[in-house]
Amino acid sequence: MLELVIIFIINLIFTTSFLWIGMKCMQVFTGVGWSGEFCSFKEIGIAAVAASAASIVPYIGTLLSFVVLLALLVKFTETSIKDVILMVIFARVASFVAVSLLAPLL
């Protein structure tokens, strides 16, 4: 049980952080600039909590968390689905790389 809690917390931290970075990158690429916001950090946190909770489901957790994250970010943001998909893919790949690099240290 403790392992699931640790996995949930690590997943939540990385997902939230990299989603925020991905959102800022998408703002620059789409021309909104650094000062504009697609959505607030609180909304990204809500989406990350839901996606992290969905990722714990056996067998289909990764796919389910991706769908949950996309659905919530489409609801929260005021941008196209293409930008949201790119933001989520960036966050998932960066999170995977970070966890892969940190896994030997745990």
C-alpha atoms as a PDB file:
ATOM      1  CA  MET A   1       0.000   0.000   0.000  1.00  0.00           C
ATOM      2  CA  LEU A   2       2.833   2.372   0.833  1.00  0.00           C
ATOM      3  CA  GLU A   3       4.338   1.723  -2.587  1.00  0.00           C
ATOM      4  CA  LEU A   4       1.124   2.874  -4.282  1.00  0.00           C
ATOM      5  CA  VAL A   5       1.110   6.072  -2.238  1.00  0.00           C
ATOM      6  CA  ILE A   6       4.738   6.787  -3.139  1.00  0.00           C
ATOM      7  CA  ILE A   7       4.083   6.091  -6.829  1.00  0.00           C
ATOM      8  CA  PHE A   8       1.007   8.343  -6.706  1.00  0.00           C
ATOM      9  CA  ILE A   9       2.929  11.224  -5.109  1.00  0.00           C
ATOM     10  CA  ILE A  10       5.896  10.950  -7.488  1.00  0.00           C
ATOM     11  CA  ASN A  11       3.573  10.746 -10.480  1.00  0.00           C
ATOM     12  CA  LEU A  12       1.615  13.738  -9.228  1.00  0.00           C
ATOM     13  CA  ILE A  13       4.704  15.899  -8.699  1.00  0.00           C
ATOM     14  CA  PHE A  14       6.204  15.119 -12.094  1.00  0.00           C
ATOM     15  CA  THR A  15       2.913  15.373 -13.980  1.00  0.00           C
ATOM     16  CA  THR A  16       2.021  18.735 -12.452  1.00  0.00           C
ATOM     17  CA  SER A  17       5.499  20.176 -12.976  1.00  0.00           C
ATOM     18  CA  PHE A  18       5.882  19.062 -16.555  1.00  0.00           C
ATOM     19  CA  LEU A  19       2.328  20.045 -17.475  1.00  0.00           C
ATOM     20  CA  TRP A  20       3.048  23.543 -16.226  1.00  0.00           C
ATOM     21  CA  ILE A  21       6.293  23.670 -18.234  1.00  0.00           C
ATOM     22  CA  GLY A  22       4.502  22.227 -21.273  1.00  0.00           C
ATOM     23  CA  MET A  23       1.757  24.827 -20.964  1.00  0.00           C
ATOM     24  CA  LYS A  24       4.321  27.629 -20.854  1.00  0.00           C
ATOM     25  CA  CYS A  25       6.107  26.218 -23.916  1.00  0.00           C
ATOM     26  CA  MET A  26       2.832  25.962 -25.812  1.00  0.00           C
ATOM     27  CA  GLN A  27       2.067  29.583 -24.925  1.00  0.00           C
ATOM     28  CA  VAL A  28       5.322  30.692 -26.500  1.00  0.00           C
ATOM     29  CA  PHE A  29       4.851  28.502 -29.589  1.00  0.00           C
ATOM     30  CA  THR A  30       1.269  29.662 -30.146  1.00  0.00           C
ATOM     31  CA  GLY A  31       2.153  33.317 -29.652  1.00  0.00           C
ATOM     32  CA  VAL A  32       0.258  33.930 -26.412  1.00  0.00           C
ATOM     33  CA  GLY A  33       3.473  34.815 -24.591  1.00  0.00           C
ATOM     34  CA  TRP A  34       4.675  34.116 -21.055  1.00  0.00           C
ATOM     35  CA  SER A  35       2.231  36.453 -19.379  1.00  0.00           C
ATOM     36  CA  GLY A  36      -0.931  34.778 -20.701  1.00  0.00           C
ATOM     37  CA  GLU A  37      -2.405  31.632 -19.191  1.00  0.00           C
ATOM     38  CA  PHE A  38      -4.157  28.696 -20.770  1.00  0.00           C
ATOM     39  CA  CYS A  39      -5.339  27.631 -17.317  1.00  0.00           C
ATOM     40  CA  SER A  40      -4.337  28.152 -13.711  1.00  0.00           C
ATOM     41  CA  PHE A  41      -1.906  26.032 -11.718  1.00  0.00           C
ATOM     42  CA  LYS A  42      -4.845  24.901  -9.566  1.00  0.00           C
ATOM     43  CA  GLU A  43      -6.633  23.509 -12.612  1.00  0.00           C
ATOM     44  CA  ILE A  44      -3.473  21.731 -13.744  1.00  0.00           C
ATOM     45  CA  GLY A  45      -3.165  20.299 -10.234  1.00  0.00           C
ATOM     46  CA  ILE A  46      -6.747  19.010 -10.339  1.00  0.00           C
ATOM     47  CA  ALA A  47      -6.131  17.369 -13.711  1.00  0.00           C
ATOM     48  CA  ALA A  48      -2.847  15.867 -12.470  1.00  0.00           C
ATOM     49  CA  VAL A  49      -4.487  14.427  -9.328  1.00  0.00           C
ATOM     50  CA  ALA A  50      -7.223  12.813 -11.405  1.00  0.00           C
ATOM     51  CA  ALA A  51      -4.714  11.443 -13.925  1.00  0.00           C
ATOM     52  CA  SER A  52      -2.422  10.126 -11.182  1.00  0.00           C
ATOM     53  CA  ALA A  53      -5.364   8.416  -9.512  1.00  0.00           C
ATOM     54  CA  ALA A  54      -6.407   6.875 -12.832  1.00  0.00           C
ATOM     55  CA  SER A  55      -2.871   5.616 -13.467  1.00  0.00           C
ATOM     56  CA  ILE A  56      -3.116   3.303 -10.455  1.00  0.00           C
ATOM     57  CA  VAL A  57      -5.811   1.183 -12.157  1.00  0.00           C
ATOM     58  CA  PRO A  58      -4.238  -2.155 -13.136  1.00  0.00           C
ATOM     59  CA  TYR A  59      -3.646  -2.971 -16.823  1.00  0.00           C
ATOM     60  CA  ILE A  60      -5.309   0.125 -18.320  1.00  0.00           C
ATOM     61  CA  GLY A  61      -4.019   2.801 -15.940  1.00  0.00           C
ATOM     62  CA  THR A  62      -1.604   4.486 -18.329  1.00  0.00           C
ATOM     63  CA  LEU A  63      -4.134   4.806 -21.125  1.00  0.00           C
ATOM     64  CA  LEU A  64      -6.897   5.809 -18.720  1.00  0.00           C
ATOM     65  CA  SER A  65      -4.737   8.508 -17.124  1.00  0.00           C
ATOM     66  CA  PHE A  66      -3.873   9.898 -20.572  1.00  0.00           C
ATOM     67  CA  VAL A  67      -7.563  10.103 -21.501  1.00  0.00           C
ATOM     68  CA  VAL A  68      -8.517  11.663 -18.149  1.00  0.00           C
ATOM     69  CA  LEU A  69      -5.733  14.220 -18.445  1.00  0.00           C
ATOM     70  CA  LEU A  70      -6.736  15.145 -22.001  1.00  0.00           C
ATOM     71  CA  ALA A  71     -10.416  15.426 -21.117  1.00  0.00           C
ATOM     72  CA  LEU A  72      -9.825  17.644 -18.102  1.00  0.00           C
ATOM     73  CA  LEU A  73      -7.315  19.894 -19.828  1.00  0.00           C
ATOM     74  CA  VAL A  74      -9.622  20.358 -22.799  1.00  0.00           C
ATOM     75  CA  LYS A  75     -12.323  21.361 -20.334  1.00  0.00           C
ATOM     76  CA  PHE A  76     -10.063  23.744 -18.368  1.00  0.00           C
ATOM     77  CA  THR A  77      -8.097  25.367 -21.194  1.00  0.00           C
ATOM     78  CA  GLU A  78      -9.188  27.780 -23.839  1.00  0.00           C
ATOM     79  CA  THR A  79      -7.085  26.333 -26.605  1.00  0.00           C
ATOM     80  CA  SER A  80      -7.311  23.791 -29.399  1.00  0.00           C
ATOM     81  CA  ILE A  81      -7.202  20.042 -28.830  1.00  0.00           C
ATOM     82  CA  LYS A  82      -3.936  19.926 -30.822  1.00  0.00           C
ATOM     83  CA  ASP A  83      -2.181  22.168 -28.301  1.00  0.00           C
ATOM     84  CA  VAL A  84      -3.520  20.141 -25.394  1.00  0.00           C
ATOM     85  CA  ILE A  85      -2.359  16.877 -26.964  1.00  0.00           C
ATOM     86  CA  LEU A  86       1.127  18.309 -27.523  1.00  0.00           C
ATOM     87  CA  MET A  87       1.230  19.598 -23.956  1.00  0.00           C
ATOM     88  CA  VAL A  88       0.208  16.207 -22.538  1.00  0.00           C
ATOM     89  CA  ILE A  89       2.650  14.273 -24.729  1.00  0.00           C
ATOM     90  CA  PHE A  90       5.468  16.613 -23.675  1.00  0.00           C
ATOM     91  CA  ALA A  91       4.549  16.178 -20.004  1.00  0.00           C
ATOM     92  CA  ARG A  92       4.302  12.380 -20.241  1.00  0.00           C
ATOM     93  CA  VAL A  93       7.601  11.971 -22.107  1.00  0.00           C
ATOM     94  CA  ALA A  94       9.452  14.362 -19.784  1.00  0.00           C
ATOM     95  CA  SER A  95       7.945  12.669 -16.734  1.00  0.00           C
ATOM     96  CA  PHE A  96       8.940   9.232 -18.045  1.00  0.00           C
ATOM     97  CA  VAL A  97      12.511  10.380 -18.661  1.00  0.00           C
ATOM     98  CA  ALA A  98      12.738  11.987 -15.202  1.00  0.00           C
ATOM     99  CA  VAL A  99      11.405   8.891 -13.449  1.00  0.00           C
ATOM    100  CA  SER A 100      13.714   6.657 -15.495  1.00  0.00           C
ATOM    101  CA  LEU A 101      16.711   8.729 -14.482  1.00  0.00           C
ATOM    102  CA  LEU A 102      15.678   8.853 -10.820  1.00  0.00           C
ATOM    103  CA  ALA A 103      14.615   5.200 -10.492  1.00  0.00           C
ATOM    104  CA  PRO A 104      18.142   3.861  -9.834  1.00  0.00           C
ATOM    105  CA  LEU A 105      18.471   6.313  -6.940  1.00  0.00           C
ATOM    106  CA  LEU A 106      15.387   4.971  -5.159  1.00  0.00           C
END
